[in-house]
Amino acid sequence: MGVYASRKEEKSTDSGDLILAGRNIPFFVGIFTMTATWVGGGYINGTAEAVADPSKGMLWVLAPWGYAISLVLGGFFFAGKMRDLGYTTMLDPFEKRYGKKVAALLFIPALIGELFWSSAILTALGTTFGVVLGYDFQTSILISSLVAVGYTVLGGLMAVAYTDVVQLVCILVGLAIAVPYVTDSQGGILNSWALYKERMGDSAKILPDMKFLMGKEGFTWMDSVLLLALGGIPWQVYFQRVLSAPSAKQAKQLSYIAAIGCVLMAIPSIWIGIAGATADWESLGIEAPDNYSLILPYVLQHLTPTIIATIGLSAVAAAVMSSIDSSILSASSMFYWNVIRPFSGKDGTGEGENGESEDPKKVKRYVQAGIIAIGGLATYIALKVQSVYALWFLCADLVYVVLFPQLTMALFFKKANWIGAVSGFCVSLFLRVGGGEETFGWAGFLPYPDENFPLRTFSMLMGFVTIFVVSSLTQKLSKTVDLE
């Protein structure tokens, strides 16, 4: 499918079109690729894990509806404006308003987020293969990485979009056919749900009550919700699809429909997690899983026939590749368009300083080299680093804390200037790093009240305030640039 899609790519004289498939992604394909971008290996495995974990439960299954909210908000406030302005990447408003150096600075957290996200979901795939089929970790990762990098290099966004159609169907069918088998092992869907509520108690609630929200964990819960709902917007994987739509209206529609798709695609994983939490492993003569992160492949292996488990595994593999290809393409696109191009004397139209047209073949070689390099680095990290999932979560922090206020102010605050942007970047980063990170044993050096303090949202809001105040006070020192 990737090779087929690459042949559909039309020749273009606009270097930006090579990154955005000519801004002419078919509507049906756009829906699938927008949804598949979010429904990755971490999304599928993580949802089942949270459902089955007694310390979390349904109450902490935030990704499906959190990302759905981010797509709705992104469509309503950001998609139309970005598409109307004709940008090529998410970093373009930074480059136009603040200059190429600040855009290159903001490329760093965007790259880190894409890189470790890719590594984390490759690790999830290796673990799943190991549990269900007994394949070794390294082989599983290498095969998936080679396939995903290969077709992305061949066809760019067009290949990614068309393969996402196949991958999303694999995810839906592969996991949906497993659900009847895993729920039947608990006496059917209704009985399985009753057992789950009995075993999990208040954690089986989908939304918390006021008592929970006003308690210590309530602040952490809200902080996590905002991380997903707002931090899910400033990702190039999202805006690459927005900017490839034929019109601003269609870009908004893709976002709204994909929001529904994200929620629906989580349903099979939720039921698999419920079955894992309620299964009587002892009576089945099976040792209970010692790590809830393995619950989805563990349930597929032990509660479904071998053929169903294998098909279910194909769903996880498809989920991984639907995210890997998008992530490495997005990172390489930003690297070329917002780092290589501006610092090599190219302006925003893809022309050099003397007005010469940029060679589309040269652009394609740059982007392809970036895909191979970033894909290779993500694969290396997945093979070598054991705490990749934690690193991904920390980088999601950085995207929310640093990039969300930057993107919002660049688009909607006309007085924003480069001095305010750099100041906001430094303040947000300082406050977040100063709070420490338990995963890595960072104690932190700032005296926040306690571990339930909404550190990420606080750091993000202080970034907003800093950009607003500093930009307003330095209007005479830095000329503001209108995006229109």
Protein backbone atom coordinates (compact mmCIF):
# COMPACT_ATOMS: atom_id res chain seq x y z
CA MET A 1 0.00 0.00 0.00
CA GLY A 2 2.89 2.33 0.75
CA VAL A 3 4.43 1.72 -2.66
CA TYR A 4 1.05 2.17 -4.36
CA ALA A 5 0.47 5.46 -2.56
CA SER A 6 3.94 6.74 -3.45
CA ARG A 7 3.08 6.28 -7.14
CA LYS A 8 -0.01 8.45 -6.68
CA GLU A 9 2.13 11.39 -5.57
CA GLU A 10 1.92 14.03 -8.28
CA LYS A 11 4.97 16.01 -9.36
CA SER A 12 5.02 19.47 -7.85
CA THR A 13 7.11 22.61 -8.22
CA ASP A 14 6.29 23.69 -4.67
CA SER A 15 8.70 22.25 -2.12
CA GLY A 16 6.11 22.55 0.64
CA ASP A 17 3.67 20.34 -1.25
CA LEU A 18 6.09 17.42 -1.01
CA ILE A 19 5.64 17.48 2.77
CA LEU A 20 1.85 17.92 2.60
CA ALA A 21 0.93 15.63 -0.32
CA GLY A 22 -0.09 18.61 -2.46
CA ARG A 23 -2.59 19.76 0.22
CA ASN A 24 -5.07 17.42 -1.38
CA ILE A 25 -5.58 14.47 0.96
CA PRO A 26 -8.96 12.81 0.13
CA PHE A 27 -11.52 13.42 2.88
CA PHE A 28 -12.10 9.74 3.65
CA VAL A 29 -8.36 9.04 3.83
CA GLY A 30 -7.90 12.16 5.96
CA ILE A 31 -10.36 10.86 8.58
CA PHE A 32 -8.48 7.58 8.86
CA THR A 33 -5.00 9.09 9.01
CA MET A 34 -6.03 11.72 11.59
CA THR A 35 -7.54 9.04 13.84
CA ALA A 36 -4.73 6.51 13.35
CA THR A 37 -2.14 9.10 14.32
CA TRP A 38 -3.43 9.18 17.90
CA VAL A 39 -4.44 5.52 18.18
CA GLY A 40 -0.93 4.13 18.60
CA GLY A 41 0.65 1.25 20.47
CA GLY A 42 0.88 3.25 23.69
CA TYR A 43 -2.77 4.27 23.33
CA ILE A 44 -3.98 0.69 22.84
CA ASN A 45 -1.77 -0.94 25.49
CA GLY A 46 -1.96 1.97 27.94
CA THR A 47 -5.76 2.04 27.94
CA ALA A 48 -6.00 -1.67 28.80
CA GLU A 49 -3.30 -1.24 31.45
CA ALA A 50 -5.07 1.64 33.21
CA VAL A 51 -8.41 -0.21 33.20
CA ALA A 52 -6.90 -3.34 34.79
CA ASP A 53 -4.63 -1.64 37.33
CA PRO A 54 -6.42 -1.50 40.75
CA SER A 55 -4.60 1.74 41.60
CA LYS A 56 -6.06 3.44 38.51
CA GLY A 57 -9.15 1.85 36.96
CA MET A 58 -11.62 3.47 34.57
CA LEU A 59 -11.31 6.71 36.53
CA TRP A 60 -7.80 7.19 35.13
CA VAL A 61 -8.53 6.11 31.55
CA LEU A 62 -8.11 9.66 30.32
CA ALA A 63 -6.45 9.28 26.91
CA PRO A 64 -9.55 8.38 24.80
CA TRP A 65 -11.71 11.32 25.79
CA GLY A 66 -8.77 13.60 26.64
CA TYR A 67 -7.37 13.32 23.12
CA ALA A 68 -10.91 13.62 21.71
CA ILE A 69 -11.26 16.98 23.50
CA SER A 70 -7.86 18.07 22.13
CA LEU A 71 -9.03 17.30 18.58
CA VAL A 72 -12.26 19.25 19.07
CA LEU A 73 -10.41 22.23 20.55
CA GLY A 74 -7.74 21.99 17.88
CA GLY A 75 -10.36 21.94 15.16
CA PHE A 76 -12.37 24.82 16.60
CA PHE A 77 -9.55 27.23 17.49
CA PHE A 78 -6.39 26.24 15.60
CA ALA A 79 -7.04 24.17 12.46
CA GLY A 80 -8.92 26.76 10.42
CA LYS A 81 -6.51 29.60 11.19
CA MET A 82 -3.39 27.53 10.48
CA ARG A 83 -4.83 26.23 7.19
CA ASP A 84 -6.08 29.67 6.09
CA LEU A 85 -2.62 31.13 6.63
CA GLY A 86 -1.17 28.44 4.36
CA TYR A 87 1.52 27.18 6.72
CA THR A 88 3.63 24.09 6.03
CA THR A 89 4.50 23.06 9.60
CA MET A 90 3.42 23.84 13.14
CA LEU A 91 6.57 25.94 13.64
CA ASP A 92 5.81 28.36 10.79
CA PRO A 93 3.93 30.93 12.93
CA PHE A 94 6.95 31.02 15.26
CA GLU A 95 9.30 31.60 12.35
CA LYS A 96 7.18 34.37 10.88
CA ARG A 97 6.47 36.18 14.15
CA TYR A 98 9.72 35.63 16.06
CA GLY A 99 12.32 34.74 13.42
CA LYS A 100 14.15 31.60 12.39
CA LYS A 101 16.35 31.33 15.52
CA VAL A 102 13.41 31.19 17.93
CA ALA A 103 11.60 28.72 15.64
CA ALA A 104 14.71 26.50 15.69
CA LEU A 105 14.77 26.73 19.51
CA LEU A 106 11.13 25.63 19.74
CA PHE A 107 11.90 22.78 17.35
CA ILE A 108 13.87 21.10 20.15
CA PRO A 109 10.95 20.17 22.48
CA ALA A 110 8.85 19.26 19.42
CA LEU A 111 11.59 16.90 18.18
CA ILE A 112 12.14 15.34 21.62
CA GLY A 113 8.42 14.66 21.96
CA GLU A 114 8.20 12.95 18.55
CA LEU A 115 11.43 10.99 19.09
CA PHE A 116 10.63 9.45 22.45
CA TRP A 117 6.99 8.88 21.53
CA SER A 118 8.22 6.76 18.63
CA SER A 119 10.65 4.89 20.88
CA ALA A 120 8.00 4.22 23.51
CA ILE A 121 5.52 2.64 21.11
CA LEU A 122 8.23 0.56 19.46
CA THR A 123 9.01 -0.79 22.92
CA ALA A 124 5.32 -1.58 23.45
CA LEU A 125 5.33 -3.62 20.25
CA GLY A 126 8.44 -5.57 21.21
CA THR A 127 6.88 -6.45 24.55
CA THR A 128 3.63 -7.60 22.91
CA PHE A 129 5.39 -9.83 20.40
CA GLY A 130 7.45 -11.34 23.19
CA VAL A 131 4.41 -12.24 25.31
CA VAL A 132 2.12 -13.61 22.59
CA LEU A 133 4.45 -15.23 20.07
CA GLY A 134 7.67 -15.59 22.01
CA TYR A 135 9.64 -13.44 19.55
CA ASP A 136 12.68 -11.71 20.94
CA PHE A 137 12.44 -8.02 21.75
CA GLN A 138 15.11 -6.74 19.35
CA THR A 139 13.82 -8.60 16.27
CA SER A 140 10.26 -7.37 16.81
CA ILE A 141 11.36 -3.74 17.02
CA LEU A 142 13.73 -3.92 14.07
CA ILE A 143 11.17 -5.50 11.71
CA SER A 144 8.47 -2.95 12.52
CA SER A 145 10.89 -0.05 12.29
CA LEU A 146 12.29 -1.15 8.93
CA VAL A 147 8.82 -1.57 7.41
CA ALA A 148 7.51 1.77 8.73
CA VAL A 149 10.63 3.74 7.76
CA GLY A 150 10.72 2.03 4.34
CA TYR A 151 7.26 2.99 3.12
CA THR A 152 7.49 6.47 4.69
CA VAL A 153 10.69 7.14 2.74
CA LEU A 154 9.04 5.91 -0.45
CA GLY A 155 5.87 7.95 -0.38
CA GLY A 156 6.00 10.62 2.33
CA LEU A 157 2.67 11.81 3.69
CA MET A 158 0.69 10.19 0.87
CA ALA A 159 2.08 6.75 1.76
CA VAL A 160 1.53 7.38 5.48
CA ALA A 161 -2.08 8.45 4.88
CA TYR A 162 -3.04 5.49 2.71
CA THR A 163 -1.36 2.91 4.94
CA ASP A 164 -3.18 4.47 7.92
CA VAL A 165 -6.46 3.38 6.29
CA VAL A 166 -5.30 -0.25 6.30
CA GLN A 167 -3.80 0.03 9.78
CA LEU A 168 -6.92 1.51 11.36
CA VAL A 169 -9.06 -1.29 9.90
CA CYS A 170 -6.56 -3.83 11.32
CA ILE A 171 -6.77 -2.21 14.76
CA LEU A 172 -10.56 -2.14 14.82
CA VAL A 173 -11.12 -5.65 13.43
CA GLY A 174 -8.15 -7.25 15.19
CA LEU A 175 -9.19 -6.18 18.67
CA ALA A 176 -12.98 -6.23 18.16
CA ILE A 177 -13.04 -9.93 17.28
CA ALA A 178 -11.14 -10.67 20.51
CA VAL A 179 -13.71 -8.95 22.74
CA PRO A 180 -16.41 -11.72 22.65
CA TYR A 181 -13.81 -14.33 23.61
CA VAL A 182 -12.39 -12.41 26.57
CA THR A 183 -15.80 -11.34 27.94
CA ASP A 184 -17.24 -14.86 27.56
CA SER A 185 -14.52 -16.09 29.92
CA GLN A 186 -16.25 -13.97 32.63
CA GLY A 187 -19.79 -14.97 31.68
CA GLY A 188 -20.56 -12.27 29.14
CA ILE A 189 -20.29 -8.49 28.91
CA LEU A 190 -22.84 -7.64 31.61
CA ASN A 191 -21.41 -10.09 34.14
CA SER A 192 -17.88 -8.95 33.34
CA TRP A 193 -18.85 -5.33 34.00
CA ALA A 194 -20.60 -6.26 37.27
CA LEU A 195 -17.50 -8.14 38.46
CA TYR A 196 -15.33 -5.21 37.50
CA LYS A 197 -17.41 -2.69 39.47
CA GLU A 198 -17.41 -5.00 42.47
CA ARG A 199 -13.64 -5.50 42.36
CA MET A 200 -12.59 -1.91 41.56
CA GLY A 201 -15.10 0.07 43.63
CA ASP A 202 -14.96 3.82 43.04
CA SER A 203 -12.14 3.34 40.52
CA ALA A 204 -14.70 1.81 38.12
CA LYS A 205 -16.35 5.22 37.67
CA ILE A 206 -15.74 6.91 34.34
CA LEU A 207 -15.86 10.42 35.84
CA PRO A 208 -14.99 11.38 39.44
CA ASP A 209 -17.42 12.82 41.97
CA MET A 210 -16.92 16.14 43.73
CA LYS A 211 -15.43 14.46 46.80
CA PHE A 212 -12.61 13.04 44.65
CA LEU A 213 -12.06 16.30 42.77
CA MET A 214 -11.75 18.28 45.99
CA GLY A 215 -9.35 15.73 47.49
CA LYS A 216 -5.59 15.47 47.05
CA GLU A 217 -5.76 13.31 43.92
CA GLY A 218 -8.30 15.62 42.29
CA PHE A 219 -5.62 18.18 41.39
CA THR A 220 -3.43 15.48 39.83
CA TRP A 221 -6.41 14.14 37.88
CA MET A 222 -7.30 17.57 36.50
CA ASP A 223 -3.65 18.25 35.70
CA SER A 224 -3.54 15.03 33.67
CA VAL A 225 -6.79 15.85 31.87
CA LEU A 226 -5.48 19.27 30.84
CA LEU A 227 -2.18 17.71 29.77
CA LEU A 228 -4.07 15.56 27.25
CA ALA A 229 -6.79 18.03 26.24
CA LEU A 230 -4.47 21.02 25.69
CA GLY A 231 -1.10 19.31 25.35
CA GLY A 232 -2.53 17.13 22.58
CA ILE A 233 -2.82 20.15 20.28
CA PRO A 234 0.75 21.41 19.60
CA TRP A 235 2.03 18.31 17.77
CA GLN A 236 3.26 18.36 14.19
CA VAL A 237 1.61 14.96 13.57
CA TYR A 238 -1.74 16.69 14.07
CA PHE A 239 -1.00 19.83 12.09
CA GLN A 240 0.56 17.90 9.20
CA ARG A 241 -2.89 16.46 8.57
CA VAL A 242 -4.65 19.77 9.17
CA LEU A 243 -2.37 21.54 6.70
CA SER A 244 -2.69 18.79 4.07
CA ALA A 245 -6.48 19.25 3.86
CA PRO A 246 -7.81 20.99 0.72
CA SER A 247 -9.55 23.70 2.78
CA ALA A 248 -9.86 25.15 6.28
CA LYS A 249 -13.42 23.86 6.52
CA GLN A 250 -12.31 20.31 5.77
CA ALA A 251 -9.42 20.59 8.24
CA LYS A 252 -11.94 21.36 10.98
CA GLN A 253 -14.24 18.52 9.92
CA LEU A 254 -11.35 16.03 10.00
CA SER A 255 -10.56 17.06 13.58
CA TYR A 256 -14.16 16.64 14.79
CA ILE A 257 -14.69 13.24 13.15
CA ALA A 258 -11.29 11.96 14.35
CA ALA A 259 -12.32 12.90 17.91
CA ILE A 260 -15.22 10.47 17.66
CA GLY A 261 -12.92 7.85 16.13
CA CYS A 262 -10.45 8.10 19.04
CA VAL A 263 -13.18 7.31 21.57
CA LEU A 264 -14.61 4.41 19.54
CA MET A 265 -11.18 2.85 18.94
CA ALA A 266 -10.56 2.65 22.69
CA ILE A 267 -13.63 0.49 23.41
CA PRO A 268 -12.04 -2.92 22.56
CA SER A 269 -8.99 -2.11 24.72
CA ILE A 270 -11.27 -1.13 27.61
CA TRP A 271 -13.09 -4.47 27.51
CA ILE A 272 -9.82 -6.38 27.26
CA GLY A 273 -8.60 -4.47 30.34
CA ILE A 274 -11.85 -5.28 32.19
CA ALA A 275 -11.44 -8.97 31.37
CA GLY A 276 -7.85 -8.89 32.59
CA ALA A 277 -8.92 -7.30 35.87
CA THR A 278 -11.76 -9.77 36.54
CA ALA A 279 -10.28 -13.03 35.26
CA ASP A 280 -9.88 -15.79 37.83
CA TRP A 281 -6.34 -16.67 36.80
CA GLU A 282 -5.91 -19.23 39.58
CA SER A 283 -8.91 -21.31 38.49
CA LEU A 284 -7.61 -21.20 34.93
CA GLY A 285 -4.32 -22.62 36.13
CA ILE A 286 -2.49 -19.52 34.91
CA GLU A 287 -0.22 -17.26 36.89
CA ALA A 288 -1.58 -13.72 37.10
CA PRO A 289 0.43 -11.08 35.20
CA ASP A 290 3.05 -9.43 37.41
CA ASN A 291 2.99 -6.20 35.39
CA TYR A 292 -0.23 -4.51 34.27
CA SER A 293 1.55 -2.95 31.29
CA LEU A 294 1.43 -6.48 29.78
CA ILE A 295 -2.29 -6.99 30.36
CA LEU A 296 -3.44 -6.65 26.74
CA PRO A 297 -1.04 -9.22 25.22
CA TYR A 298 -1.46 -11.43 28.31
CA VAL A 299 -5.25 -11.52 27.92
CA LEU A 300 -4.95 -12.18 24.18
CA GLN A 301 -2.56 -15.04 24.82
CA HIS A 302 -4.50 -16.82 27.58
CA LEU A 303 -8.19 -15.95 27.06
CA THR A 304 -8.49 -16.29 23.28
CA PRO A 305 -7.67 -19.05 20.75
CA THR A 306 -4.20 -18.82 19.19
CA ILE A 307 -5.50 -17.55 15.84
CA ILE A 308 -7.50 -14.77 17.55
CA ALA A 309 -4.48 -13.83 19.68
CA THR A 310 -2.35 -13.60 16.54
CA ILE A 311 -4.93 -11.42 14.77
CA GLY A 312 -5.16 -9.25 17.88
CA LEU A 313 -1.39 -8.91 17.80
CA SER A 314 -1.63 -7.63 14.21
CA ALA A 315 -3.84 -4.86 15.60
CA VAL A 316 -1.11 -3.81 18.02
CA ALA A 317 1.50 -3.94 15.25
CA ALA A 318 -0.74 -1.81 13.03
CA ALA A 319 -1.30 0.68 15.85
CA VAL A 320 2.45 1.00 16.34
CA MET A 321 3.23 1.58 12.67
CA SER A 322 0.36 4.05 12.24
CA SER A 323 2.05 6.24 14.86
CA ILE A 324 5.70 5.57 14.04
CA ASP A 325 5.41 6.62 10.39
CA SER A 326 3.52 9.80 11.27
CA SER A 327 5.97 10.76 13.99
CA ILE A 328 9.19 10.30 12.03
CA LEU A 329 7.75 12.08 8.98
CA SER A 330 6.58 15.00 11.10
CA ALA A 331 9.92 15.42 12.85
CA SER A 332 11.90 15.23 9.60
CA SER A 333 9.52 17.71 7.92
CA MET A 334 10.03 20.26 10.70
CA PHE A 335 13.79 19.70 10.66
CA TYR A 336 14.03 20.46 6.95
CA TRP A 337 11.41 23.22 6.73
CA ASN A 338 12.21 25.16 9.91
CA VAL A 339 15.92 24.43 10.46
CA ILE A 340 17.68 23.45 7.22
CA ARG A 341 15.67 25.69 4.83
CA PRO A 342 15.77 29.04 6.67
CA PHE A 343 19.44 28.74 7.62
CA SER A 344 20.43 27.85 4.04
CA GLY A 345 19.07 31.12 2.65
CA LYS A 346 15.54 29.95 1.77
CA ASP A 347 12.57 32.15 2.51
CA GLY A 348 9.00 31.20 3.35
CA THR A 349 8.09 30.60 -0.29
CA GLY A 350 10.68 27.89 -0.84
CA GLU A 351 12.90 30.23 -2.89
CA GLY A 352 16.46 31.31 -2.30
CA GLU A 353 17.66 34.80 -1.55
CA ASN A 354 18.08 35.53 -5.26
CA GLY A 355 14.61 34.26 -6.09
CA GLU A 356 15.70 30.91 -7.53
CA SER A 357 13.16 28.11 -7.18
CA GLU A 358 14.09 25.32 -4.80
CA ASP A 359 14.57 21.92 -6.42
CA PRO A 360 11.74 19.60 -5.24
CA LYS A 361 14.01 16.56 -5.69
CA LYS A 362 16.56 18.11 -3.37
CA VAL A 363 13.85 18.82 -0.80
CA LYS A 364 12.67 15.24 -1.02
CA ARG A 365 16.21 13.94 -0.43
CA TYR A 366 16.54 16.11 2.67
CA VAL A 367 13.21 14.89 4.08
CA GLN A 368 14.00 11.25 3.26
CA ALA A 369 17.40 11.54 4.95
CA GLY A 370 15.66 12.98 8.00
CA ILE A 371 13.15 10.11 8.05
CA ILE A 372 15.95 7.52 8.01
CA ALA A 373 18.02 9.34 10.64
CA ILE A 374 15.14 10.00 13.07
CA GLY A 375 13.66 6.53 12.52
CA GLY A 376 17.05 4.98 13.19
CA LEU A 377 17.60 7.04 16.34
CA ALA A 378 14.14 6.18 17.69
CA THR A 379 14.83 2.49 17.04
CA TYR A 380 18.20 2.69 18.80
CA ILE A 381 16.64 4.33 21.86
CA ALA A 382 13.87 1.70 21.94
CA LEU A 383 16.51 -1.05 21.93
CA LYS A 384 18.76 0.51 24.56
CA VAL A 385 16.66 2.54 26.98
CA GLN A 386 14.46 0.72 29.46
CA SER A 387 12.42 3.71 30.71
CA VAL A 388 11.20 4.90 27.31
CA TYR A 389 7.54 5.11 28.35
CA ALA A 390 8.48 7.37 31.24
CA LEU A 391 10.60 9.49 28.91
CA TRP A 392 7.67 9.79 26.52
CA PHE A 393 5.46 10.99 29.37
CA LEU A 394 8.03 13.57 30.39
CA CYS A 395 8.29 14.81 26.80
CA ALA A 396 4.51 15.05 26.63
CA ASP A 397 4.99 17.30 29.65
CA LEU A 398 7.37 19.49 27.66
CA VAL A 399 5.00 19.77 24.71
CA TYR A 400 2.17 20.85 27.03
CA VAL A 401 4.22 23.09 29.30
CA VAL A 402 6.38 24.76 26.64
CA LEU A 403 4.70 24.54 23.23
CA PHE A 404 1.01 25.03 24.04
CA PRO A 405 1.38 28.58 25.43
CA GLN A 406 3.88 29.42 22.69
CA LEU A 407 1.61 28.32 19.83
CA THR A 408 -1.50 29.92 21.32
CA MET A 409 0.16 33.29 21.91
CA ALA A 410 1.91 33.30 18.52
CA LEU A 411 -1.42 32.78 16.75
CA PHE A 412 -3.76 34.91 18.85
CA PHE A 413 -1.76 37.59 20.69
CA LYS A 414 -0.77 40.25 18.17
CA LYS A 415 1.72 41.93 20.52
CA ALA A 416 3.73 38.74 21.05
CA ASN A 417 7.40 39.21 20.20
CA TRP A 418 10.58 37.14 20.31
CA ILE A 419 11.67 38.54 23.69
CA GLY A 420 8.41 37.42 25.29
CA ALA A 421 8.58 34.05 23.55
CA VAL A 422 12.11 33.27 24.75
CA SER A 423 11.26 34.50 28.26
CA GLY A 424 8.16 32.30 28.36
CA PHE A 425 10.17 29.32 27.13
CA CYS A 426 12.75 29.76 29.90
CA VAL A 427 10.19 30.33 32.67
CA SER A 428 8.02 27.32 31.71
CA LEU A 429 11.03 25.02 31.43
CA PHE A 430 12.58 26.26 34.68
CA LEU A 431 9.37 25.81 36.68
CA ARG A 432 8.75 22.31 35.27
CA VAL A 433 12.30 21.04 35.74
CA GLY A 434 12.42 22.67 39.17
CA GLY A 435 9.54 20.48 40.29
CA GLY A 436 11.59 17.32 39.75
CA GLU A 437 10.46 14.03 38.28
CA GLU A 438 9.82 11.01 40.51
CA THR A 439 10.31 8.56 37.64
CA PHE A 440 14.00 9.46 37.39
CA GLY A 441 14.61 10.22 41.04
CA TRP A 442 14.81 13.99 40.52
CA ALA A 443 14.08 15.63 43.85
CA GLY A 444 13.51 19.07 42.35
CA PHE A 445 14.87 22.35 43.67
CA LEU A 446 11.70 24.48 43.92
CA PRO A 447 9.51 24.39 47.08
CA TYR A 448 6.15 23.31 45.64
CA PRO A 449 3.45 22.47 48.27
CA ASP A 450 3.21 18.68 47.74
CA GLU A 451 3.26 15.87 45.17
CA ASN A 452 -0.36 16.54 44.16
CA PHE A 453 0.31 20.16 43.21
CA PRO A 454 -0.69 20.67 39.51
CA LEU A 455 2.90 21.40 38.52
CA ARG A 456 2.50 21.00 34.78
CA THR A 457 -0.52 23.27 34.46
CA PHE A 458 1.06 25.84 36.76
CA SER A 459 4.24 25.90 34.65
CA MET A 460 2.18 26.20 31.46
CA LEU A 461 0.09 29.09 32.82
CA MET A 462 3.21 30.93 33.99
CA GLY A 463 4.52 30.61 30.42
CA PHE A 464 1.36 32.34 29.18
CA VAL A 465 1.70 35.13 31.73
CA THR A 466 5.38 35.65 30.96
CA ILE A 467 4.86 35.89 27.20
CA PHE A 468 2.02 38.37 27.71
CA VAL A 469 3.78 40.60 30.25
CA VAL A 470 7.26 40.63 28.68
CA SER A 471 5.92 41.14 25.16
CA SER A 472 3.72 44.00 26.33
CA LEU A 473 6.63 45.70 28.13
CA THR A 474 9.11 45.33 25.26
CA GLN A 475 7.07 46.62 22.33
CA LYS A 476 9.61 49.40 21.71
CA LEU A 477 12.53 46.97 21.78
CA SER A 478 11.16 44.40 19.36
CA LYS A 479 8.99 45.02 16.35
CA THR A 480 5.85 42.86 16.24
CA VAL A 481 5.02 40.98 13.06
CA ASP A 482 1.46 40.42 11.81
CA LEU A 483 0.76 36.85 10.68
CA GLU A 484 -1.91 37.86 8.15
